[in-house]
Each structure stands twice: as structure tokens, then as C-alpha cells.
Amino acid sequence: MVLVLTGGLVWYFFGPRSPQLPEQAKILVEPPPDSNAIPHTTEKETVFEASVEYLSPRTFAPKIVVEENIGEGTVAPPHVPKPKVRRAPVVDPETGAVEPVPEPDIPEVVKNWSGVVLVPEVARVSKAYTSSVALSRVEAHPLKDGRLHVWVRMRNKMGYSVEVEKDCRFRAYHERVHNRLGFESVTIPARGYADVMFLSPDASIEEYTILVRLARDKVGEGDEDLL
């Protein structure tokens, strides 16, 4: 009896835990009256198999749903906030000593996902994209520190590979300024898809806007409206 009880206690303290919605992400599930947040629903499954790599230790993974007949797929490198760099050395006006420019802080790709899957009301997701690409799935994965991983499945509707530039704009609750990550390119296979993850720079995200455009050097005559 003692052995059974001890084993149960060990499993309770060290075994996998059920996903818990972080407090700072509740704004997306139950937006307060003064919020413009798009309502999200909680689901127990995800189509983004690569997202499991970012689970917090000892957290149960959601069910992975494998979509069929969606063509060849690829997973883009994580899209994280740009490092903040001091562009010039600092010179002490009294001594003339020069303080060297420090190495930029590279944002870590946080492996702290709570395991919770939030799916926005698709009709209200704010997004801008080209006529060549469709965003077939969007999920918000709250991290335990309050930030978000926003996962997007970009489907190429063309019969040839397409290079696009993608970005995500975030706005935190009670903030007026949107923080953008900056455009980065990804190539989507013909009739296939690319899975992309954006990391929010802040916690308590109220709004996010997904932006996709044709790579600038790929724009031809008549395509100017896609930028």
C-alpha cells in the first residue's frame, strides 16, 4: 500500500500535467468589455506537429491531426522578434574611452508552451495575403510566460512553388502600438503548404495580424496590388 501511494505521489509531482490556460492569455478566450480581441475557442488538437517541440517539460501534448491530400509540406524556421542592436559605440566625453558595441541579444525560441490550443473565429482573423496563398489554419499557443506562438498553415494554390514574405503584427492589451517582427521569406511547394510560427514580443496579446505578400523580386507586371 505504501509503495502504491508513493508511486502515485511520484507520478503526480513528476508526471505530465494537463494543459492550463495562462492567466495572460485568458483575454483571448473571454475578452473583457474594453477589449477588441477576437474570441478564441479552446481545442484539444493541433495540425502543427512541429509545435510539440516547444512544449513545456512534463506537459501533455494535444492530439496531432494529420490532414490528407494537402500536398508537400515544409516547416519554416521560427519567426522571432529582431534583436535590439546598439548601432554605434559609446564614447565617454571626459576620458574619451570607447565602449565597444555589444553583441545583439538573440531572442530565445521559447520551449515553454502550455499545451493549450486556441483557435480564432476564422471569419474575423485579421490577415492580408496574396491571391496565390491561402491561410487554411491559424492557432494561438499560449506560453507560460504570457507570450504567444501564432502558428499559420500557408497553402500554395498555384501549380508551381511560390516564394512569399510573411510577417505578424502584435498588439498587447491596453497598448496602442503594434509591434511587427519584420518580413522574412519562405518558399511554399507547388500545391503544398508551409507551416510558420511567429513569437510575440510581449505578453497579454490582444490582437495579431498575419501579413503575407509575394517576394518583392518575384512580383511581375500586374501584381503590384499584392504588395
C-alpha atoms as a PDB file:
ATOM      1  CA  MET A   1       0.000   0.000   0.000  1.00  0.00           C
ATOM      2  CA  VAL A   2       2.833   2.331   0.835  1.00  0.00           C
ATOM      3  CA  LEU A   3       4.527   1.528  -2.451  1.00  0.00           C
ATOM      4  CA  VAL A   4       1.384   2.235  -4.447  1.00  0.00           C
ATOM      5  CA  LEU A   5       0.821   5.523  -2.649  1.00  0.00           C
ATOM      6  CA  THR A   6       4.435   6.572  -3.121  1.00  0.00           C
ATOM      7  CA  GLY A   7       4.299   5.752  -6.812  1.00  0.00           C
ATOM      8  CA  GLY A   8       1.143   7.808  -7.149  1.00  0.00           C
ATOM      9  CA  LEU A   9       2.802  10.765  -5.468  1.00  0.00           C
ATOM     10  CA  VAL A  10       5.831  10.482  -7.735  1.00  0.00           C
ATOM     11  CA  TRP A  11       3.559  10.409 -10.800  1.00  0.00           C
ATOM     12  CA  TYR A  12       1.599  13.428  -9.501  1.00  0.00           C
ATOM     13  CA  PHE A  13       4.662  15.566  -8.931  1.00  0.00           C
ATOM     14  CA  PHE A  14       6.830  14.448 -11.831  1.00  0.00           C
ATOM     15  CA  GLY A  15       4.442  13.042 -14.421  1.00  0.00           C
ATOM     16  CA  PRO A  16       2.880  15.006 -17.309  1.00  0.00           C
ATOM     17  CA  ARG A  17       0.401  17.715 -16.365  1.00  0.00           C
ATOM     18  CA  SER A  18      -2.834  18.658 -18.098  1.00  0.00           C
ATOM     19  CA  PRO A  19      -2.608  21.892 -20.119  1.00  0.00           C
ATOM     20  CA  GLN A  20      -3.613  25.006 -18.175  1.00  0.00           C
ATOM     21  CA  LEU A  21      -4.520  28.305 -19.834  1.00  0.00           C
ATOM     22  CA  PRO A  22      -2.063  31.002 -18.645  1.00  0.00           C
ATOM     23  CA  GLU A  23      -3.725  33.965 -16.952  1.00  0.00           C
ATOM     24  CA  GLN A  24      -2.371  36.469 -19.513  1.00  0.00           C
ATOM     25  CA  ALA A  25      -3.950  34.516 -22.386  1.00  0.00           C
ATOM     26  CA  LYS A  26      -7.469  34.486 -20.947  1.00  0.00           C
ATOM     27  CA  ILE A  27      -8.146  37.765 -22.758  1.00  0.00           C
ATOM     28  CA  LEU A  28      -8.376  35.754 -26.000  1.00  0.00           C
ATOM     29  CA  VAL A  29     -10.952  33.335 -24.579  1.00  0.00           C
ATOM     30  CA  GLU A  30     -13.071  35.749 -22.568  1.00  0.00           C
ATOM     31  CA  PRO A  31     -12.342  39.271 -23.873  1.00  0.00           C
ATOM     32  CA  PRO A  32     -13.197  41.996 -21.331  1.00  0.00           C
ATOM     33  CA  PRO A  33     -15.713  44.692 -22.325  1.00  0.00           C
ATOM     34  CA  ASP A  34     -12.976  47.205 -23.218  1.00  0.00           C
ATOM     35  CA  SER A  35     -11.075  44.745 -25.415  1.00  0.00           C
ATOM     36  CA  ASN A  36     -11.047  44.366 -29.200  1.00  0.00           C
ATOM     37  CA  ALA A  37      -9.697  40.844 -29.005  1.00  0.00           C
ATOM     38  CA  ILE A  38     -11.028  38.258 -31.444  1.00  0.00           C
ATOM     39  CA  PRO A  39     -12.696  35.470 -29.424  1.00  0.00           C
ATOM     40  CA  HIS A  40     -10.812  32.172 -29.485  1.00  0.00           C
ATOM     41  CA  THR A  41     -12.049  28.702 -28.634  1.00  0.00           C
ATOM     42  CA  THR A  42     -10.019  26.051 -26.840  1.00  0.00           C
ATOM     43  CA  GLU A  43      -9.382  22.820 -28.742  1.00  0.00           C
ATOM     44  CA  LYS A  44      -7.676  19.573 -27.772  1.00  0.00           C
ATOM     45  CA  GLU A  45      -5.917  19.007 -31.083  1.00  0.00           C
ATOM     46  CA  THR A  46      -3.498  20.722 -33.429  1.00  0.00           C
ATOM     47  CA  VAL A  47      -2.438  20.270 -37.052  1.00  0.00           C
ATOM     48  CA  PHE A  48       1.050  21.608 -36.306  1.00  0.00           C
ATOM     49  CA  GLU A  49       3.142  18.578 -35.422  1.00  0.00           C
ATOM     50  CA  ALA A  50       6.293  20.708 -35.113  1.00  0.00           C
ATOM     51  CA  SER A  51       4.696  22.699 -32.276  1.00  0.00           C
ATOM     52  CA  VAL A  52       5.178  19.764 -29.886  1.00  0.00           C
ATOM     53  CA  GLU A  53       8.905  20.599 -29.826  1.00  0.00           C
ATOM     54  CA  TYR A  54       8.044  23.758 -27.852  1.00  0.00           C
ATOM     55  CA  LEU A  55       6.040  22.094 -25.082  1.00  0.00           C
ATOM     56  CA  SER A  56       6.928  22.952 -21.516  1.00  0.00           C
ATOM     57  CA  PRO A  57       8.512  19.975 -19.712  1.00  0.00           C
ATOM     58  CA  ARG A  58       6.082  17.444 -18.238  1.00  0.00           C
ATOM     59  CA  THR A  59       3.105  18.857 -20.142  1.00  0.00           C
ATOM     60  CA  PHE A  60       0.659  16.647 -22.043  1.00  0.00           C
ATOM     61  CA  ALA A  61       0.766  17.159 -25.808  1.00  0.00           C
ATOM     62  CA  PRO A  62      -2.502  17.761 -27.670  1.00  0.00           C
ATOM     63  CA  LYS A  63      -3.685  15.288 -30.271  1.00  0.00           C
ATOM     64  CA  ILE A  64      -1.943  15.728 -33.626  1.00  0.00           C
ATOM     65  CA  VAL A  65      -4.324  15.813 -36.590  1.00  0.00           C
ATOM     66  CA  VAL A  66      -2.780  14.823 -39.925  1.00  0.00           C
ATOM     67  CA  GLU A  67      -4.538  16.445 -42.862  1.00  0.00           C
ATOM     68  CA  GLU A  68      -4.728  14.394 -46.037  1.00  0.00           C
ATOM     69  CA  ASN A  69      -4.333  15.407 -49.668  1.00  0.00           C
ATOM     70  CA  ILE A  70      -2.695  18.739 -48.894  1.00  0.00           C
ATOM     71  CA  GLY A  71       0.482  18.183 -50.886  1.00  0.00           C
ATOM     72  CA  GLU A  72       4.120  18.513 -49.905  1.00  0.00           C
ATOM     73  CA  GLY A  73       4.799  20.459 -46.741  1.00  0.00           C
ATOM     74  CA  THR A  74       7.640  22.349 -45.124  1.00  0.00           C
ATOM     75  CA  VAL A  75       8.227  23.978 -41.733  1.00  0.00           C
ATOM     76  CA  ALA A  76       9.786  27.445 -41.789  1.00  0.00           C
ATOM     77  CA  PRO A  77      12.363  28.469 -39.165  1.00  0.00           C
ATOM     78  CA  PRO A  78      10.806  30.194 -36.137  1.00  0.00           C
ATOM     79  CA  HIS A  79       9.957  33.832 -36.825  1.00  0.00           C
ATOM     80  CA  VAL A  80      11.074  35.725 -33.712  1.00  0.00           C
ATOM     81  CA  PRO A  81      11.467  39.405 -32.744  1.00  0.00           C
ATOM     82  CA  LYS A  82      14.527  41.112 -34.196  1.00  0.00           C
ATOM     83  CA  PRO A  83      17.460  41.562 -31.822  1.00  0.00           C
ATOM     84  CA  LYS A  84      17.949  45.058 -30.480  1.00  0.00           C
ATOM     85  CA  VAL A  85      21.369  46.326 -31.546  1.00  0.00           C
ATOM     86  CA  ARG A  86      23.182  49.472 -30.427  1.00  0.00           C
ATOM     87  CA  ARG A  87      24.413  50.777 -33.778  1.00  0.00           C
ATOM     88  CA  ALA A  88      27.353  52.898 -32.616  1.00  0.00           C
ATOM     89  CA  PRO A  89      29.994  52.744 -29.867  1.00  0.00           C
ATOM     90  CA  VAL A  90      29.532  54.991 -26.849  1.00  0.00           C
ATOM     91  CA  VAL A  91      32.364  57.476 -26.225  1.00  0.00           C
ATOM     92  CA  ASP A  92      32.943  58.808 -22.710  1.00  0.00           C
ATOM     93  CA  PRO A  93      33.096  62.625 -23.130  1.00  0.00           C
ATOM     94  CA  GLU A  94      35.557  63.017 -20.240  1.00  0.00           C
ATOM     95  CA  THR A  95      38.047  60.230 -20.819  1.00  0.00           C
ATOM     96  CA  GLY A  96      37.500  59.563 -24.492  1.00  0.00           C
ATOM     97  CA  ALA A  97      37.242  55.873 -23.740  1.00  0.00           C
ATOM     98  CA  VAL A  98      35.190  53.934 -26.244  1.00  0.00           C
ATOM     99  CA  GLU A  99      32.722  51.346 -25.047  1.00  0.00           C
ATOM    100  CA  PRO A 100      32.511  48.615 -27.692  1.00  0.00           C
ATOM    101  CA  VAL A 101      29.246  47.672 -29.314  1.00  0.00           C
ATOM    102  CA  PRO A 102      27.896  44.572 -27.525  1.00  0.00           C
ATOM    103  CA  GLU A 103      26.737  41.505 -29.332  1.00  0.00           C
ATOM    104  CA  PRO A 104      22.982  41.628 -30.010  1.00  0.00           C
ATOM    105  CA  ASP A 105      20.668  39.669 -27.766  1.00  0.00           C
ATOM    106  CA  ILE A 106      19.123  36.924 -29.858  1.00  0.00           C
ATOM    107  CA  PRO A 107      15.599  36.163 -28.610  1.00  0.00           C
ATOM    108  CA  GLU A 108      15.331  32.599 -27.469  1.00  0.00           C
ATOM    109  CA  VAL A 109      12.818  30.330 -29.134  1.00  0.00           C
ATOM    110  CA  VAL A 110      10.797  29.645 -26.041  1.00  0.00           C
ATOM    111  CA  LYS A 111      10.117  25.993 -25.254  1.00  0.00           C
ATOM    112  CA  ASN A 112       7.510  26.909 -22.688  1.00  0.00           C
ATOM    113  CA  TRP A 113       4.220  26.163 -24.426  1.00  0.00           C
ATOM    114  CA  SER A 114       1.386  25.464 -22.013  1.00  0.00           C
ATOM    115  CA  GLY A 115      -0.108  22.819 -24.312  1.00  0.00           C
ATOM    116  CA  VAL A 116      -3.287  24.874 -24.783  1.00  0.00           C
ATOM    117  CA  VAL A 117      -4.533  25.307 -28.369  1.00  0.00           C
ATOM    118  CA  LEU A 118      -6.595  28.419 -29.117  1.00  0.00           C
ATOM    119  CA  VAL A 119      -8.339  28.805 -32.472  1.00  0.00           C
ATOM    120  CA  PRO A 120      -9.709  32.204 -33.534  1.00  0.00           C
ATOM    121  CA  GLU A 121     -13.017  32.812 -35.241  1.00  0.00           C
ATOM    122  CA  VAL A 122     -11.727  32.417 -38.797  1.00  0.00           C
ATOM    123  CA  ALA A 123     -14.105  34.951 -40.311  1.00  0.00           C
ATOM    124  CA  ARG A 124     -12.648  37.654 -38.067  1.00  0.00           C
ATOM    125  CA  VAL A 125      -8.948  36.851 -38.225  1.00  0.00           C
ATOM    126  CA  SER A 126      -7.098  39.944 -39.360  1.00  0.00           C
ATOM    127  CA  LYS A 127      -4.879  38.952 -42.244  1.00  0.00           C
ATOM    128  CA  ALA A 128      -3.556  40.219 -45.532  1.00  0.00           C
ATOM    129  CA  TYR A 129      -2.273  37.826 -48.153  1.00  0.00           C
ATOM    130  CA  THR A 130      -1.787  37.333 -51.879  1.00  0.00           C
ATOM    131  CA  SER A 131      -4.191  35.641 -54.274  1.00  0.00           C
ATOM    132  CA  SER A 132      -1.640  32.812 -54.610  1.00  0.00           C
ATOM    133  CA  VAL A 133      -1.728  31.809 -50.948  1.00  0.00           C
ATOM    134  CA  ALA A 134      -4.496  30.838 -48.543  1.00  0.00           C
ATOM    135  CA  LEU A 135      -4.202  30.674 -44.767  1.00  0.00           C
ATOM    136  CA  SER A 136      -6.008  27.426 -44.088  1.00  0.00           C
ATOM    137  CA  ARG A 137      -5.322  27.156 -40.350  1.00  0.00           C
ATOM    138  CA  VAL A 138      -4.387  29.587 -37.579  1.00  0.00           C
ATOM    139  CA  GLU A 139      -3.683  28.599 -33.978  1.00  0.00           C
ATOM    140  CA  ALA A 140      -2.505  30.596 -30.972  1.00  0.00           C
ATOM    141  CA  HIS A 141      -0.401  28.624 -28.493  1.00  0.00           C
ATOM    142  CA  PRO A 142      -0.045  30.488 -25.168  1.00  0.00           C
ATOM    143  CA  LEU A 143       3.316  30.211 -23.439  1.00  0.00           C
ATOM    144  CA  LYS A 144       3.578  30.022 -19.673  1.00  0.00           C
ATOM    145  CA  ASP A 145       5.229  33.467 -19.572  1.00  0.00           C
ATOM    146  CA  GLY A 146       2.183  35.060 -21.238  1.00  0.00           C
ATOM    147  CA  ARG A 147       3.560  35.381 -24.755  1.00  0.00           C
ATOM    148  CA  LEU A 148       2.153  33.606 -27.802  1.00  0.00           C
ATOM    149  CA  HIS A 149       3.273  31.318 -30.560  1.00  0.00           C
ATOM    150  CA  VAL A 150       0.994  32.013 -33.513  1.00  0.00           C
ATOM    151  CA  TRP A 151       1.051  29.085 -35.935  1.00  0.00           C
ATOM    152  CA  VAL A 152      -0.152  29.510 -39.512  1.00  0.00           C
ATOM    153  CA  ARG A 153      -0.542  26.976 -42.318  1.00  0.00           C
ATOM    154  CA  MET A 154       0.040  28.739 -45.653  1.00  0.00           C
ATOM    155  CA  ARG A 155      -1.372  26.852 -48.632  1.00  0.00           C
ATOM    156  CA  ASN A 156       0.010  27.447 -52.120  1.00  0.00           C
ATOM    157  CA  LYS A 157      -2.863  27.446 -54.610  1.00  0.00           C
ATOM    158  CA  MET A 158      -0.558  27.532 -57.619  1.00  0.00           C
ATOM    159  CA  GLY A 159       0.869  24.636 -59.628  1.00  0.00           C
ATOM    160  CA  TYR A 160       4.407  25.901 -59.072  1.00  0.00           C
ATOM    161  CA  SER A 161       6.429  26.826 -55.977  1.00  0.00           C
ATOM    162  CA  VAL A 162       5.889  30.333 -54.662  1.00  0.00           C
ATOM    163  CA  GLU A 163       8.260  32.476 -52.624  1.00  0.00           C
ATOM    164  CA  VAL A 164       6.453  34.806 -50.250  1.00  0.00           C
ATOM    165  CA  GLU A 165       7.370  37.195 -47.454  1.00  0.00           C
ATOM    166  CA  LYS A 166       5.486  36.837 -44.181  1.00  0.00           C
ATOM    167  CA  ASP A 167       5.158  38.930 -41.058  1.00  0.00           C
ATOM    168  CA  CYS A 168       2.963  39.195 -37.971  1.00  0.00           C
ATOM    169  CA  ARG A 169       1.890  42.351 -36.159  1.00  0.00           C
ATOM    170  CA  PHE A 170       1.032  42.096 -32.460  1.00  0.00           C
ATOM    171  CA  ARG A 171      -0.715  44.459 -30.068  1.00  0.00           C
ATOM    172  CA  ALA A 172      -0.786  43.928 -26.328  1.00  0.00           C
ATOM    173  CA  TYR A 173      -3.825  44.699 -24.167  1.00  0.00           C
ATOM    174  CA  HIS A 174      -4.181  48.432 -23.393  1.00  0.00           C
ATOM    175  CA  GLU A 175      -1.374  49.271 -25.820  1.00  0.00           C
ATOM    176  CA  ARG A 176      -1.891  51.446 -28.905  1.00  0.00           C
ATOM    177  CA  VAL A 177       1.272  50.494 -30.766  1.00  0.00           C
ATOM    178  CA  HIS A 178       1.526  47.345 -32.876  1.00  0.00           C
ATOM    179  CA  ASN A 179       4.873  45.542 -32.762  1.00  0.00           C
ATOM    180  CA  ARG A 180       5.935  43.942 -36.033  1.00  0.00           C
ATOM    181  CA  LEU A 181       8.542  41.222 -36.386  1.00  0.00           C
ATOM    182  CA  GLY A 182       9.661  42.222 -39.902  1.00  0.00           C
ATOM    183  CA  PHE A 183       9.177  40.396 -43.184  1.00  0.00           C
ATOM    184  CA  GLU A 184      11.015  37.120 -43.766  1.00  0.00           C
ATOM    185  CA  SER A 185      10.782  34.916 -46.838  1.00  0.00           C
ATOM    186  CA  VAL A 186       9.607  31.329 -47.183  1.00  0.00           C
ATOM    187  CA  THR A 187       9.147  29.133 -50.246  1.00  0.00           C
ATOM    188  CA  ILE A 188       5.945  27.095 -50.435  1.00  0.00           C
ATOM    189  CA  PRO A 189       5.958  23.935 -52.607  1.00  0.00           C
ATOM    190  CA  ALA A 190       3.600  23.684 -55.599  1.00  0.00           C
ATOM    191  CA  ARG A 191       0.082  22.828 -54.387  1.00  0.00           C
ATOM    192  CA  GLY A 192       1.665  22.326 -50.977  1.00  0.00           C
ATOM    193  CA  TYR A 193       1.968  24.211 -47.745  1.00  0.00           C
ATOM    194  CA  ALA A 194       4.354  25.830 -45.284  1.00  0.00           C
ATOM    195  CA  ASP A 195       3.845  25.874 -41.524  1.00  0.00           C
ATOM    196  CA  VAL A 196       5.051  29.097 -39.918  1.00  0.00           C
ATOM    197  CA  MET A 197       5.402  30.045 -36.246  1.00  0.00           C
ATOM    198  CA  PHE A 198       5.516  33.659 -35.042  1.00  0.00           C
ATOM    199  CA  LEU A 199       6.677  34.501 -31.496  1.00  0.00           C
ATOM    200  CA  SER A 200       5.046  37.559 -29.933  1.00  0.00           C
ATOM    201  CA  PRO A 201       7.471  40.055 -28.370  1.00  0.00           C
ATOM    202  CA  ASP A 202       5.098  40.799 -25.471  1.00  0.00           C
ATOM    203  CA  ALA A 203       2.631  39.092 -23.161  1.00  0.00           C
ATOM    204  CA  SER A 204      -1.128  39.705 -22.886  1.00  0.00           C
ATOM    205  CA  ILE A 205      -1.589  39.883 -26.652  1.00  0.00           C
ATOM    206  CA  GLU A 206      -4.988  41.231 -27.656  1.00  0.00           C
ATOM    207  CA  GLU A 207      -4.650  41.413 -31.437  1.00  0.00           C
ATOM    208  CA  TYR A 208      -2.418  39.905 -34.083  1.00  0.00           C
ATOM    209  CA  THR A 209      -2.381  40.479 -37.827  1.00  0.00           C
ATOM    210  CA  ILE A 210      -0.862  37.995 -40.254  1.00  0.00           C
ATOM    211  CA  LEU A 211       0.720  39.531 -43.347  1.00  0.00           C
ATOM    212  CA  VAL A 212       1.786  37.638 -46.479  1.00  0.00           C
ATOM    213  CA  ARG A 213       2.968  39.091 -49.777  1.00  0.00           C
ATOM    214  CA  LEU A 214       4.831  37.881 -52.844  1.00  0.00           C
ATOM    215  CA  ALA A 215       8.596  38.249 -52.536  1.00  0.00           C
ATOM    216  CA  ARG A 216       9.481  41.635 -53.991  1.00  0.00           C
ATOM    217  CA  ASP A 217      11.832  40.235 -56.607  1.00  0.00           C
ATOM    218  CA  LYS A 218       9.078  37.837 -57.759  1.00  0.00           C
ATOM    219  CA  VAL A 219       6.436  40.474 -58.484  1.00  0.00           C
ATOM    220  CA  GLY A 220       5.602  40.741 -62.153  1.00  0.00           C
ATOM    221  CA  GLU A 221       3.583  43.147 -64.201  1.00  0.00           C
ATOM    222  CA  GLY A 222       0.057  43.420 -62.875  1.00  0.00           C
ATOM    223  CA  ASP A 223       0.952  42.033 -59.452  1.00  0.00           C
ATOM    224  CA  GLU A 224       1.562  45.376 -57.740  1.00  0.00           C
ATOM    225  CA  ASP A 225      -1.714  45.095 -55.843  1.00  0.00           C
ATOM    226  CA  LEU A 226      -0.392  42.080 -53.958  1.00  0.00           C
ATOM    227  CA  LEU A 227       2.181  44.122 -52.043  1.00  0.00           C
END
